[in-house]
Amino acid sequence: MRIRDMICLVLTGILLSSCATRFETSPERALRAGKLATDLKALSPSVDPAEADQFAKVAVETCAALRKKYNIRNHRWIHNVAIYWGVTERGNCWQWATDLKAVLDQFTWRTLRVERVESHVGSTFREHHSLAVSAMDRPEHRWVLDAWRHEGVLWFSEMKTDIYPWVVSEVQD
């Protein structure tokens, strides 16, 4: 093997190992769910606190379970390449959104609404899909729930302040 090939191989190994991700612990997930629940309760006075707590726990724990199911071990872009090459089957952003929404839709949320959102539709490298949650009486004030962004560690933020220009998807499953 030529020295140049050997250097490329070593650098590739370093790059891949540096992109490895770690799983959240149960206490870390509980803290994340607590933060999400607090944010959901702040959406509107009409949000039922117990419902916000349950929603947050289900969302965070479902993402952790999907991460194991999808066998996420590396950075999201590396995982996307593995899907493209046929090494693994699931874990694209739209699959995270679909599978998380399927679980959330098993519950009857009286004060919260879940919708699919999308950004940069049609752009090969920028298109992104996720979910948004809002209070039933304030649908214009949404929080994004993005499971893909941090490889199964649920990320959430106000939709209007996110880096992605989200729009509500016409397809809601």
N, C-alpha and C. Protein backbone atom coordinates (compact mmCIF):
# COMPACT_ATOMS: atom_id res chain seq x y z
N MET A 1 0.85 -1.17 0.00
CA MET A 1 0.00 0.00 0.00
C MET A 1 0.90 1.24 0.00
N ARG A 2 0.58 2.16 -0.84
CA ARG A 2 1.38 3.39 -0.93
C ARG A 2 1.15 4.25 0.31
N ILE A 3 2.15 5.06 0.60
CA ILE A 3 2.08 5.91 1.79
C ILE A 3 0.89 6.87 1.73
N ARG A 4 0.59 7.38 0.53
CA ARG A 4 -0.54 8.29 0.38
C ARG A 4 -1.85 7.58 0.71
N ASP A 5 -2.00 6.35 0.25
CA ASP A 5 -3.20 5.57 0.54
C ASP A 5 -3.32 5.28 2.03
N MET A 6 -2.19 4.99 2.64
CA MET A 6 -2.17 4.69 4.07
C MET A 6 -2.59 5.93 4.87
N ILE A 7 -2.08 7.10 4.50
CA ILE A 7 -2.44 8.33 5.18
C ILE A 7 -3.93 8.62 5.02
N CYS A 8 -4.45 8.43 3.81
CA CYS A 8 -5.89 8.63 3.57
C CYS A 8 -6.73 7.69 4.41
N LEU A 9 -6.31 6.45 4.53
CA LEU A 9 -7.03 5.46 5.33
C LEU A 9 -7.04 5.86 6.80
N VAL A 10 -5.90 6.27 7.32
CA VAL A 10 -5.81 6.69 8.72
C VAL A 10 -6.66 7.93 8.97
N LEU A 11 -6.58 8.92 8.08
CA LEU A 11 -7.37 10.14 8.24
C LEU A 11 -8.86 9.85 8.17
N THR A 12 -9.27 8.94 7.29
CA THR A 12 -10.68 8.55 7.20
C THR A 12 -11.13 7.90 8.50
N GLY A 13 -10.30 7.03 9.05
CA GLY A 13 -10.62 6.39 10.33
C GLY A 13 -10.77 7.39 11.46
N ILE A 14 -9.88 8.38 11.49
CA ILE A 14 -9.96 9.41 12.52
C ILE A 14 -11.24 10.23 12.34
N LEU A 15 -11.53 10.59 11.10
CA LEU A 15 -12.74 11.37 10.82
C LEU A 15 -13.98 10.61 11.26
N LEU A 16 -14.06 9.34 10.88
CA LEU A 16 -15.25 8.56 11.22
C LEU A 16 -15.39 8.36 12.72
N SER A 17 -14.29 8.11 13.40
CA SER A 17 -14.38 7.89 14.85
C SER A 17 -14.69 9.20 15.58
N SER A 18 -14.24 10.32 15.03
CA SER A 18 -14.54 11.60 15.68
C SER A 18 -16.00 11.99 15.49
N CYS A 19 -16.67 11.38 14.54
CA CYS A 19 -18.08 11.68 14.30
C CYS A 19 -18.99 10.73 15.06
N ALA A 20 -18.42 9.81 15.81
CA ALA A 20 -19.24 8.87 16.56
C ALA A 20 -20.04 9.62 17.61
N THR A 21 -21.24 9.17 17.85
CA THR A 21 -22.11 9.82 18.80
C THR A 21 -22.34 8.90 19.99
N ARG A 22 -22.75 9.49 21.10
CA ARG A 22 -23.03 8.67 22.27
C ARG A 22 -24.52 8.74 22.59
N PHE A 23 -24.99 7.71 23.26
CA PHE A 23 -26.39 7.67 23.65
C PHE A 23 -26.60 8.51 24.90
N GLU A 24 -27.78 9.10 25.01
CA GLU A 24 -28.14 9.82 26.22
C GLU A 24 -28.46 8.81 27.31
N THR A 25 -28.12 9.16 28.53
CA THR A 25 -28.49 8.33 29.66
C THR A 25 -29.94 8.60 30.04
N SER A 26 -30.50 7.74 30.84
CA SER A 26 -31.88 7.93 31.29
C SER A 26 -32.06 9.26 32.04
N PRO A 27 -31.14 9.63 32.95
CA PRO A 27 -31.30 10.93 33.61
C PRO A 27 -31.20 12.11 32.63
N GLU A 28 -30.35 12.00 31.63
CA GLU A 28 -30.24 13.06 30.62
C GLU A 28 -31.53 13.19 29.82
N ARG A 29 -32.13 12.04 29.49
CA ARG A 29 -33.40 12.08 28.77
C ARG A 29 -34.50 12.68 29.63
N ALA A 30 -34.50 12.37 30.92
CA ALA A 30 -35.50 12.94 31.83
C ALA A 30 -35.36 14.46 31.91
N LEU A 31 -34.12 14.95 31.94
CA LEU A 31 -33.90 16.40 31.95
C LEU A 31 -34.39 17.04 30.65
N ARG A 32 -34.09 16.40 29.53
CA ARG A 32 -34.52 16.92 28.23
C ARG A 32 -36.06 16.94 28.15
N ALA A 33 -36.70 15.88 28.62
CA ALA A 33 -38.16 15.82 28.61
C ALA A 33 -38.74 16.91 29.52
N GLY A 34 -38.10 17.15 30.65
CA GLY A 34 -38.56 18.20 31.55
C GLY A 34 -38.47 19.57 30.92
N LYS A 35 -37.38 19.82 30.19
CA LYS A 35 -37.21 21.10 29.51
C LYS A 35 -38.28 21.26 28.42
N LEU A 36 -38.49 20.20 27.63
CA LEU A 36 -39.51 20.27 26.59
C LEU A 36 -40.89 20.50 27.20
N ALA A 37 -41.20 19.80 28.27
CA ALA A 37 -42.50 19.96 28.92
C ALA A 37 -42.70 21.41 29.39
N THR A 38 -41.66 22.00 29.95
CA THR A 38 -41.73 23.40 30.38
C THR A 38 -42.02 24.32 29.19
N ASP A 39 -41.33 24.07 28.08
CA ASP A 39 -41.55 24.88 26.87
C ASP A 39 -42.96 24.69 26.32
N LEU A 40 -43.47 23.47 26.38
CA LEU A 40 -44.82 23.21 25.89
C LEU A 40 -45.87 23.91 26.75
N LYS A 41 -45.66 23.89 28.05
CA LYS A 41 -46.61 24.56 28.96
C LYS A 41 -46.64 26.06 28.71
N ALA A 42 -45.53 26.61 28.24
CA ALA A 42 -45.45 28.05 27.98
C ALA A 42 -46.10 28.45 26.65
N LEU A 43 -46.49 27.47 25.83
CA LEU A 43 -47.13 27.78 24.55
C LEU A 43 -48.44 28.54 24.73
N SER A 44 -49.19 28.17 25.76
CA SER A 44 -50.50 28.78 25.99
C SER A 44 -50.99 28.38 27.38
N PRO A 45 -51.77 29.22 28.02
CA PRO A 45 -52.37 28.84 29.30
C PRO A 45 -53.31 27.64 29.16
N SER A 46 -53.75 27.37 27.94
CA SER A 46 -54.69 26.26 27.74
C SER A 46 -54.01 24.89 27.72
N VAL A 47 -52.68 24.85 27.64
CA VAL A 47 -51.98 23.57 27.58
C VAL A 47 -52.08 22.88 28.95
N ASP A 48 -52.57 21.66 28.92
CA ASP A 48 -52.69 20.86 30.14
C ASP A 48 -51.28 20.45 30.59
N PRO A 49 -50.86 20.82 31.80
CA PRO A 49 -49.51 20.49 32.26
C PRO A 49 -49.21 18.99 32.26
N ALA A 50 -50.18 18.18 32.65
CA ALA A 50 -49.96 16.73 32.66
C ALA A 50 -49.79 16.20 31.23
N GLU A 51 -50.55 16.77 30.30
CA GLU A 51 -50.42 16.37 28.90
C GLU A 51 -49.06 16.78 28.34
N ALA A 52 -48.60 17.97 28.69
CA ALA A 52 -47.28 18.43 28.24
C ALA A 52 -46.19 17.52 28.78
N ASP A 53 -46.31 17.11 30.05
CA ASP A 53 -45.32 16.19 30.64
C ASP A 53 -45.31 14.86 29.90
N GLN A 54 -46.50 14.31 29.64
CA GLN A 54 -46.59 13.03 28.95
C GLN A 54 -46.07 13.14 27.52
N PHE A 55 -46.47 14.18 26.82
CA PHE A 55 -46.02 14.38 25.44
C PHE A 55 -44.49 14.44 25.38
N ALA A 56 -43.90 15.24 26.25
CA ALA A 56 -42.45 15.39 26.25
C ALA A 56 -41.74 14.07 26.52
N LYS A 57 -42.24 13.33 27.50
CA LYS A 57 -41.61 12.04 27.82
C LYS A 57 -41.73 11.07 26.64
N VAL A 58 -42.90 11.00 26.05
CA VAL A 58 -43.10 10.10 24.90
C VAL A 58 -42.18 10.50 23.75
N ALA A 59 -42.09 11.79 23.45
CA ALA A 59 -41.26 12.25 22.34
C ALA A 59 -39.79 11.92 22.56
N VAL A 60 -39.28 12.25 23.72
CA VAL A 60 -37.85 12.02 24.02
C VAL A 60 -37.53 10.53 24.04
N GLU A 61 -38.35 9.74 24.71
CA GLU A 61 -38.09 8.30 24.82
C GLU A 61 -38.26 7.60 23.47
N THR A 62 -39.22 8.05 22.66
CA THR A 62 -39.39 7.46 21.33
C THR A 62 -38.17 7.72 20.47
N CYS A 63 -37.63 8.92 20.53
CA CYS A 63 -36.42 9.22 19.75
C CYS A 63 -35.26 8.32 20.18
N ALA A 64 -35.11 8.11 21.48
CA ALA A 64 -34.05 7.22 21.97
C ALA A 64 -34.25 5.79 21.46
N ALA A 65 -35.50 5.34 21.47
CA ALA A 65 -35.79 3.99 20.97
C ALA A 65 -35.55 3.88 19.47
N LEU A 66 -35.92 4.91 18.72
CA LEU A 66 -35.69 4.90 17.27
C LEU A 66 -34.20 4.93 16.96
N ARG A 67 -33.45 5.64 17.77
CA ARG A 67 -31.99 5.69 17.57
C ARG A 67 -31.40 4.28 17.65
N LYS A 68 -31.85 3.51 18.63
CA LYS A 68 -31.39 2.12 18.75
C LYS A 68 -31.89 1.29 17.58
N LYS A 69 -33.14 1.46 17.23
CA LYS A 69 -33.74 0.70 16.12
C LYS A 69 -33.01 0.97 14.81
N TYR A 70 -32.68 2.26 14.56
CA TYR A 70 -31.99 2.64 13.33
C TYR A 70 -30.49 2.32 13.39
N ASN A 71 -30.01 1.91 14.57
CA ASN A 71 -28.60 1.59 14.78
C ASN A 71 -27.70 2.79 14.45
N ILE A 72 -28.06 3.94 15.00
CA ILE A 72 -27.28 5.16 14.78
C ILE A 72 -25.99 5.08 15.59
N ARG A 73 -24.87 5.16 14.89
CA ARG A 73 -23.57 5.10 15.55
C ARG A 73 -22.66 6.26 15.16
N ASN A 74 -23.03 6.97 14.10
CA ASN A 74 -22.17 8.02 13.57
C ASN A 74 -22.98 9.28 13.32
N HIS A 75 -22.31 10.29 12.86
CA HIS A 75 -22.93 11.55 12.50
C HIS A 75 -24.05 11.31 11.49
N ARG A 76 -25.07 12.15 11.51
CA ARG A 76 -26.25 11.96 10.66
C ARG A 76 -25.91 11.89 9.18
N TRP A 77 -24.93 12.66 8.73
CA TRP A 77 -24.57 12.64 7.30
C TRP A 77 -23.91 11.31 6.93
N ILE A 78 -23.10 10.77 7.82
CA ILE A 78 -22.48 9.47 7.57
C ILE A 78 -23.57 8.40 7.52
N HIS A 79 -24.54 8.51 8.42
CA HIS A 79 -25.65 7.55 8.43
C HIS A 79 -26.46 7.66 7.14
N ASN A 80 -26.69 8.88 6.66
CA ASN A 80 -27.41 9.06 5.40
C ASN A 80 -26.67 8.39 4.24
N VAL A 81 -25.34 8.49 4.23
CA VAL A 81 -24.54 7.82 3.19
C VAL A 81 -24.70 6.30 3.32
N ALA A 82 -24.72 5.79 4.54
CA ALA A 82 -24.91 4.35 4.75
C ALA A 82 -26.27 3.89 4.21
N ILE A 83 -27.29 4.73 4.36
CA ILE A 83 -28.60 4.40 3.80
C ILE A 83 -28.52 4.39 2.27
N TYR A 84 -27.88 5.40 1.72
CA TYR A 84 -27.72 5.50 0.26
C TYR A 84 -26.99 4.28 -0.30
N TRP A 85 -25.98 3.82 0.40
CA TRP A 85 -25.20 2.65 -0.05
C TRP A 85 -25.89 1.33 0.26
N GLY A 86 -26.99 1.35 0.98
CA GLY A 86 -27.71 0.13 1.29
C GLY A 86 -27.18 -0.61 2.50
N VAL A 87 -26.32 0.02 3.29
CA VAL A 87 -25.76 -0.61 4.48
C VAL A 87 -26.81 -0.70 5.58
N THR A 88 -27.67 0.31 5.64
CA THR A 88 -28.76 0.34 6.61
C THR A 88 -30.00 0.87 5.89
N GLU A 89 -31.15 0.71 6.51
CA GLU A 89 -32.39 1.03 5.81
C GLU A 89 -33.06 2.32 6.24
N ARG A 90 -32.95 2.69 7.52
CA ARG A 90 -33.73 3.84 8.01
C ARG A 90 -32.86 4.81 8.78
N GLY A 91 -33.35 6.05 8.85
CA GLY A 91 -32.67 7.08 9.62
C GLY A 91 -32.57 8.40 8.91
N ASN A 92 -33.19 8.51 7.72
CA ASN A 92 -33.26 9.82 7.06
C ASN A 92 -34.23 10.70 7.84
N CYS A 93 -34.13 12.01 7.66
CA CYS A 93 -34.95 12.94 8.45
C CYS A 93 -36.45 12.66 8.29
N TRP A 94 -36.88 12.35 7.08
CA TRP A 94 -38.32 12.12 6.87
C TRP A 94 -38.77 10.84 7.58
N GLN A 95 -37.86 9.87 7.74
CA GLN A 95 -38.20 8.64 8.45
C GLN A 95 -38.32 8.88 9.96
N TRP A 96 -37.41 9.71 10.49
CA TRP A 96 -37.52 10.10 11.90
C TRP A 96 -38.88 10.77 12.13
N ALA A 97 -39.23 11.72 11.25
CA ALA A 97 -40.49 12.45 11.41
C ALA A 97 -41.69 11.51 11.31
N THR A 98 -41.66 10.63 10.32
CA THR A 98 -42.77 9.68 10.12
C THR A 98 -42.94 8.76 11.33
N ASP A 99 -41.84 8.18 11.79
CA ASP A 99 -41.92 7.21 12.88
C ASP A 99 -42.26 7.87 14.22
N LEU A 100 -41.71 9.05 14.47
CA LEU A 100 -42.05 9.76 15.71
C LEU A 100 -43.52 10.19 15.69
N LYS A 101 -43.98 10.69 14.56
CA LYS A 101 -45.38 11.12 14.46
C LYS A 101 -46.33 9.93 14.64
N ALA A 102 -45.96 8.78 14.10
CA ALA A 102 -46.80 7.59 14.25
C ALA A 102 -47.00 7.24 15.72
N VAL A 103 -45.97 7.36 16.51
CA VAL A 103 -46.09 7.08 17.95
C VAL A 103 -46.90 8.17 18.63
N LEU A 104 -46.59 9.43 18.35
CA LEU A 104 -47.33 10.53 18.98
C LEU A 104 -48.81 10.50 18.61
N ASP A 105 -49.12 10.05 17.40
CA ASP A 105 -50.52 9.99 16.95
C ASP A 105 -51.32 8.88 17.63
N GLN A 106 -50.65 8.00 18.37
CA GLN A 106 -51.36 6.95 19.09
C GLN A 106 -52.08 7.51 20.33
N PHE A 107 -51.73 8.72 20.69
CA PHE A 107 -52.32 9.37 21.86
C PHE A 107 -53.36 10.39 21.41
N THR A 108 -54.30 10.66 22.28
CA THR A 108 -55.29 11.71 22.02
C THR A 108 -54.83 12.94 22.79
N TRP A 109 -54.23 13.86 22.06
CA TRP A 109 -53.76 15.11 22.68
C TRP A 109 -54.91 16.12 22.61
N ARG A 110 -55.37 16.56 23.75
CA ARG A 110 -56.50 17.48 23.82
C ARG A 110 -56.07 18.93 23.67
N THR A 111 -54.85 19.26 24.14
CA THR A 111 -54.43 20.66 24.14
C THR A 111 -53.21 20.92 23.25
N LEU A 112 -52.65 19.87 22.67
CA LEU A 112 -51.47 20.01 21.81
C LEU A 112 -51.77 19.46 20.41
N ARG A 113 -51.14 20.04 19.43
CA ARG A 113 -51.30 19.62 18.03
C ARG A 113 -49.91 19.30 17.46
N VAL A 114 -49.80 18.18 16.73
CA VAL A 114 -48.54 17.79 16.10
C VAL A 114 -48.73 17.84 14.59
N GLU A 115 -47.77 18.46 13.90
CA GLU A 115 -47.83 18.57 12.45
C GLU A 115 -46.45 18.26 11.86
N ARG A 116 -46.47 17.77 10.63
CA ARG A 116 -45.22 17.62 9.88
C ARG A 116 -44.84 18.97 9.31
N VAL A 117 -43.54 19.27 9.35
CA VAL A 117 -43.03 20.49 8.73
C VAL A 117 -41.86 20.11 7.82
N GLU A 118 -41.59 20.99 6.86
CA GLU A 118 -40.53 20.72 5.90
C GLU A 118 -39.82 22.01 5.52
N SER A 119 -38.62 21.85 5.01
CA SER A 119 -37.82 23.01 4.65
C SER A 119 -37.01 22.69 3.39
N HIS A 120 -36.85 23.67 2.54
CA HIS A 120 -36.04 23.52 1.32
C HIS A 120 -36.47 22.32 0.47
N VAL A 121 -37.75 22.10 0.33
CA VAL A 121 -38.26 20.95 -0.43
C VAL A 121 -37.74 21.02 -1.86
N GLY A 122 -37.19 19.89 -2.32
CA GLY A 122 -36.67 19.79 -3.67
C GLY A 122 -35.17 20.03 -3.77
N SER A 123 -34.56 20.53 -2.72
CA SER A 123 -33.11 20.76 -2.72
C SER A 123 -32.42 19.50 -2.21
N THR A 124 -31.63 18.87 -3.04
CA THR A 124 -31.04 17.58 -2.72
C THR A 124 -30.31 17.57 -1.38
N PHE A 125 -29.48 18.54 -1.11
CA PHE A 125 -28.67 18.49 0.11
C PHE A 125 -29.21 19.34 1.25
N ARG A 126 -30.29 20.09 1.02
CA ARG A 126 -30.81 20.96 2.07
C ARG A 126 -32.21 20.59 2.53
N GLU A 127 -32.91 19.77 1.78
CA GLU A 127 -34.28 19.41 2.16
C GLU A 127 -34.27 18.75 3.53
N HIS A 128 -35.23 19.15 4.35
CA HIS A 128 -35.29 18.62 5.71
C HIS A 128 -36.75 18.49 6.13
N HIS A 129 -37.04 17.43 6.88
CA HIS A 129 -38.39 17.15 7.37
C HIS A 129 -38.33 16.95 8.88
N SER A 130 -39.37 17.40 9.54
CA SER A 130 -39.42 17.27 10.98
C SER A 130 -40.87 17.37 11.44
N LEU A 131 -41.05 17.60 12.73
CA LEU A 131 -42.38 17.79 13.30
C LEU A 131 -42.43 19.13 14.01
N ALA A 132 -43.63 19.62 14.18
CA ALA A 132 -43.85 20.82 14.98
C ALA A 132 -45.00 20.55 15.94
N VAL A 133 -44.93 21.15 17.10
CA VAL A 133 -46.00 21.03 18.08
C VAL A 133 -46.45 22.43 18.46
N SER A 134 -47.74 22.57 18.65
CA SER A 134 -48.31 23.85 19.05
C SER A 134 -49.48 23.59 19.99
N ALA A 135 -49.90 24.65 20.66
CA ALA A 135 -51.12 24.56 21.47
C ALA A 135 -52.30 24.60 20.51
N MET A 136 -53.36 23.89 20.84
CA MET A 136 -54.54 23.85 19.97
C MET A 136 -55.09 25.25 19.69
N ASP A 137 -55.03 26.12 20.69
CA ASP A 137 -55.61 27.46 20.51
C ASP A 137 -54.60 28.48 19.96
N ARG A 138 -53.35 28.05 19.73
CA ARG A 138 -52.33 28.96 19.18
C ARG A 138 -51.50 28.23 18.13
N PRO A 139 -52.12 27.80 17.02
CA PRO A 139 -51.39 27.01 16.02
C PRO A 139 -50.27 27.78 15.32
N GLU A 140 -50.31 29.10 15.40
CA GLU A 140 -49.27 29.89 14.73
C GLU A 140 -47.95 29.91 15.52
N HIS A 141 -47.99 29.51 16.78
CA HIS A 141 -46.79 29.50 17.63
C HIS A 141 -46.33 28.05 17.81
N ARG A 142 -45.38 27.66 16.99
CA ARG A 142 -44.95 26.25 16.94
C ARG A 142 -43.53 26.07 17.46
N TRP A 143 -43.30 24.88 18.00
CA TRP A 143 -41.95 24.44 18.36
C TRP A 143 -41.58 23.28 17.45
N VAL A 144 -40.38 23.32 16.89
CA VAL A 144 -39.88 22.23 16.05
C VAL A 144 -39.36 21.11 16.94
N LEU A 145 -39.69 19.89 16.57
CA LEU A 145 -39.14 18.69 17.22
C LEU A 145 -38.31 17.97 16.16
N ASP A 146 -37.01 18.02 16.29
CA ASP A 146 -36.11 17.47 15.27
C ASP A 146 -35.28 16.33 15.84
N ALA A 147 -35.63 15.13 15.48
CA ALA A 147 -34.91 13.95 15.97
C ALA A 147 -33.65 13.67 15.16
N TRP A 148 -33.62 14.08 13.91
CA TRP A 148 -32.50 13.78 13.01
C TRP A 148 -31.28 14.64 13.31
N ARG A 149 -31.50 15.89 13.68
CA ARG A 149 -30.42 16.88 13.80
C ARG A 149 -29.29 16.43 14.72
N HIS A 150 -29.62 15.74 15.80
CA HIS A 150 -28.59 15.27 16.75
C HIS A 150 -28.66 13.75 16.92
N GLU A 151 -28.89 13.07 15.80
CA GLU A 151 -28.82 11.60 15.74
C GLU A 151 -29.68 10.90 16.79
N GLY A 152 -30.89 11.38 16.97
CA GLY A 152 -31.81 10.71 17.86
C GLY A 152 -31.94 11.34 19.24
N VAL A 153 -31.12 12.34 19.53
CA VAL A 153 -31.29 13.12 20.74
C VAL A 153 -32.24 14.25 20.34
N LEU A 154 -33.44 14.21 20.85
CA LEU A 154 -34.47 15.14 20.39
C LEU A 154 -34.05 16.59 20.61
N TRP A 155 -34.02 17.35 19.52
CA TRP A 155 -33.72 18.77 19.54
C TRP A 155 -35.02 19.51 19.35
N PHE A 156 -35.21 20.61 20.07
CA PHE A 156 -36.44 21.39 19.93
C PHE A 156 -36.15 22.86 20.14
N SER A 157 -36.93 23.67 19.42
CA SER A 157 -36.78 25.12 19.49
C SER A 157 -38.00 25.77 18.86
N GLU A 158 -38.16 27.06 19.12
CA GLU A 158 -39.23 27.79 18.45
C GLU A 158 -39.02 27.73 16.95
N MET A 159 -40.07 27.42 16.22
CA MET A 159 -39.96 27.26 14.78
C MET A 159 -39.51 28.56 14.10
N LYS A 160 -40.02 29.67 14.54
CA LYS A 160 -39.71 30.94 13.88
C LYS A 160 -38.27 31.40 14.08
N THR A 161 -37.56 30.85 15.07
CA THR A 161 -36.17 31.25 15.31
C THR A 161 -35.16 30.22 14.84
N ASP A 162 -35.62 29.12 14.28
CA ASP A 162 -34.72 28.06 13.84
C ASP A 162 -33.97 28.48 12.57
N ILE A 163 -32.88 27.80 12.29
CA ILE A 163 -32.08 28.09 11.09
C ILE A 163 -32.78 27.64 9.82
N TYR A 164 -33.72 26.70 9.94
CA TYR A 164 -34.45 26.23 8.77
C TYR A 164 -35.71 27.07 8.56
N PRO A 165 -36.02 27.42 7.31
CA PRO A 165 -37.27 28.13 7.03
C PRO A 165 -38.43 27.13 6.90
N TRP A 166 -38.96 26.70 8.02
CA TRP A 166 -39.98 25.66 8.04
C TRP A 166 -41.32 26.14 7.49
N VAL A 167 -42.01 25.21 6.83
CA VAL A 167 -43.40 25.41 6.44
C VAL A 167 -44.16 24.15 6.81
N VAL A 168 -45.43 24.31 7.11
CA VAL A 168 -46.25 23.14 7.43
C VAL A 168 -46.43 22.33 6.16
N SER A 169 -46.22 21.05 6.25
CA SER A 169 -46.30 20.15 5.10
C SER A 169 -47.76 19.92 4.71
N GLU A 170 -47.97 19.77 3.42
CA GLU A 170 -49.31 19.43 2.95
C GLU A 170 -49.65 17.98 3.29
N VAL A 171 -48.63 17.15 3.44
CA VAL A 171 -48.80 15.74 3.80
C VAL A 171 -48.68 15.63 5.32
N GLN A 172 -49.72 15.15 5.97
CA GLN A 172 -49.71 15.05 7.43
C GLN A 172 -49.83 13.60 7.91
N ASP A 173 -49.67 12.63 7.05
CA ASP A 173 -49.77 11.20 7.41
C ASP A 173 -51.12 10.89 7.98
